[in-house]
Amino acid sequence: MKYAPILLIFILFTACAQQTGLYYYGNTSHNYYKAVKLGDEKSLDAYKQSLENLFDREEKAGRKVAPGLYCDYAMILMGEKQEEKAREYFEKEKQNFEESTALINFMLMRYFGKI
């Protein structure tokens, strides 16, 4: 019974400890929301820049980028008519997340006519 206050304090501190998730999204979610909501060039550029920053940071840290972000970036590049670079990011998505292979293959067929 004399250890109960110490145990209670320990439980409170461990419950408040912040756990890191499996993937780090940075501020991409906020920028994505703004890009979709506003739909203007400035917010889309901010989202694109946040993705590029995230890719660079995660690559330097040796961590995987969250699922779907390479694909999202590739779609932005397709809108900018940078097809070869977009294809590269579609392939990165497929390499990093095997479960996305069917979707990425479909998109490659749709936009490039071949896998």
Protein backbone atom coordinates (compact mmCIF):
# COMPACT_ATOMS: atom_id res chain seq x y z
CA MET A 1 0.00 0.00 0.00
CA LYS A 2 2.90 2.35 0.63
CA TYR A 3 3.96 2.00 -3.02
CA ALA A 4 0.55 2.99 -4.39
CA PRO A 5 1.31 6.75 -4.75
CA ILE A 6 4.58 6.00 -6.53
CA LEU A 7 2.84 3.52 -8.82
CA LEU A 8 0.08 6.04 -9.53
CA ILE A 9 2.62 8.74 -10.45
CA PHE A 10 4.48 6.29 -12.67
CA ILE A 11 1.26 5.31 -14.47
CA LEU A 12 0.32 8.96 -15.01
CA PHE A 13 3.71 9.82 -16.49
CA THR A 14 3.78 6.83 -18.82
CA ALA A 15 0.20 7.47 -19.93
CA CYS A 16 1.12 11.01 -20.93
CA ALA A 17 4.21 9.97 -22.86
CA GLN A 18 3.88 10.71 -26.53
CA GLN A 19 4.34 7.75 -28.82
CA THR A 20 5.58 8.17 -32.32
CA GLY A 21 3.52 6.66 -35.09
CA LEU A 22 4.66 4.25 -37.72
CA TYR A 23 5.01 7.04 -40.27
CA TYR A 24 5.73 10.73 -40.01
CA TYR A 25 3.54 12.97 -42.16
CA GLY A 26 4.96 16.35 -41.14
CA ASN A 27 2.61 19.13 -42.19
CA THR A 28 1.52 17.36 -45.37
CA SER A 29 -1.99 16.66 -44.04
CA HIS A 30 -2.61 20.32 -43.30
CA ASN A 31 -1.22 21.40 -46.67
CA TYR A 32 -3.22 18.72 -48.48
CA TYR A 33 -6.42 19.96 -46.85
CA LYS A 34 -5.67 23.54 -47.91
CA ALA A 35 -4.81 22.46 -51.47
CA VAL A 36 -8.09 20.56 -51.83
CA LYS A 37 -10.21 23.16 -50.10
CA LEU A 38 -8.80 26.23 -51.83
CA GLY A 39 -7.81 24.58 -55.11
CA ASP A 40 -5.45 27.40 -56.03
CA GLU A 41 -1.91 27.29 -57.39
CA LYS A 42 -0.35 28.68 -54.20
CA SER A 43 -1.81 26.02 -51.89
CA LEU A 44 -0.95 23.23 -54.35
CA ASP A 45 2.64 24.48 -54.49
CA ALA A 46 2.76 24.55 -50.68
CA TYR A 47 1.55 20.95 -50.58
CA LYS A 48 4.08 19.91 -53.21
CA GLN A 49 6.88 21.62 -51.27
CA SER A 50 5.82 19.95 -48.02
CA LEU A 51 5.98 16.55 -49.76
CA GLU A 52 9.44 17.28 -51.15
CA ASN A 53 10.64 18.35 -47.70
CA LEU A 54 9.19 15.22 -46.14
CA PHE A 55 10.80 12.95 -48.75
CA ASP A 56 14.17 14.58 -48.15
CA ARG A 57 13.91 14.39 -44.35
CA GLU A 58 12.75 10.78 -44.25
CA GLU A 59 15.39 9.68 -46.76
CA LYS A 60 18.14 11.29 -44.67
CA ALA A 61 16.77 9.63 -41.52
CA GLY A 62 16.52 6.24 -43.27
CA ARG A 63 12.77 5.91 -42.68
CA LYS A 64 9.98 4.97 -45.05
CA VAL A 65 7.59 7.60 -46.36
CA ALA A 66 3.93 7.04 -45.48
CA PRO A 67 1.82 5.06 -47.97
CA GLY A 68 0.23 7.05 -50.77
CA LEU A 69 2.49 10.09 -50.59
CA TYR A 70 4.71 9.08 -53.51
CA CYS A 71 1.58 8.44 -55.55
CA ASP A 72 0.09 11.78 -54.54
CA TYR A 73 3.31 13.54 -55.55
CA ALA A 74 3.30 11.69 -58.87
CA MET A 75 -0.24 12.90 -59.55
CA ILE A 76 0.87 16.49 -58.93
CA LEU A 77 3.73 15.96 -61.37
CA MET A 78 1.31 14.54 -63.94
CA GLY A 79 -0.69 17.75 -63.66
CA GLU A 80 2.50 19.69 -64.36
CA LYS A 81 3.24 17.52 -67.44
CA GLN A 82 6.37 15.98 -65.88
CA GLU A 83 5.52 12.45 -66.94
CA GLU A 84 8.95 10.81 -66.56
CA LYS A 85 9.46 12.13 -63.06
CA ALA A 86 5.88 11.13 -62.19
CA ARG A 87 6.53 7.60 -63.43
CA GLU A 88 9.58 7.45 -61.16
CA TYR A 89 7.45 8.29 -58.13
CA PHE A 90 4.73 5.81 -59.12
CA GLU A 91 7.46 3.17 -59.18
CA LYS A 92 8.74 4.28 -55.76
CA GLU A 93 5.24 3.82 -54.36
CA LYS A 94 5.06 0.34 -55.84
CA GLN A 95 8.51 -0.63 -54.54
CA ASN A 96 7.88 0.60 -51.01
CA PHE A 97 4.34 -0.73 -50.64
CA GLU A 98 3.67 -4.03 -52.39
CA GLU A 99 -0.04 -3.82 -51.59
CA SER A 100 -0.30 -0.81 -53.90
CA THR A 101 0.97 -2.73 -56.95
CA ALA A 102 -2.47 -3.30 -58.50
CA LEU A 103 -3.47 0.35 -58.16
CA ILE A 104 -0.14 1.67 -59.43
CA ASN A 105 -0.18 -0.72 -62.38
CA PHE A 106 -3.68 0.52 -63.23
CA MET A 107 -2.50 4.12 -63.07
CA LEU A 108 0.57 3.39 -65.18
CA MET A 109 -1.65 1.76 -67.82
CA ARG A 110 -4.05 4.69 -67.72
CA TYR A 111 -1.48 7.44 -68.00
CA PHE A 112 1.32 5.77 -69.95
CA GLY A 113 -0.39 2.93 -71.79
CA LYS A 114 2.09 0.39 -70.40
CA ILE A 115 3.44 -0.83 -67.10
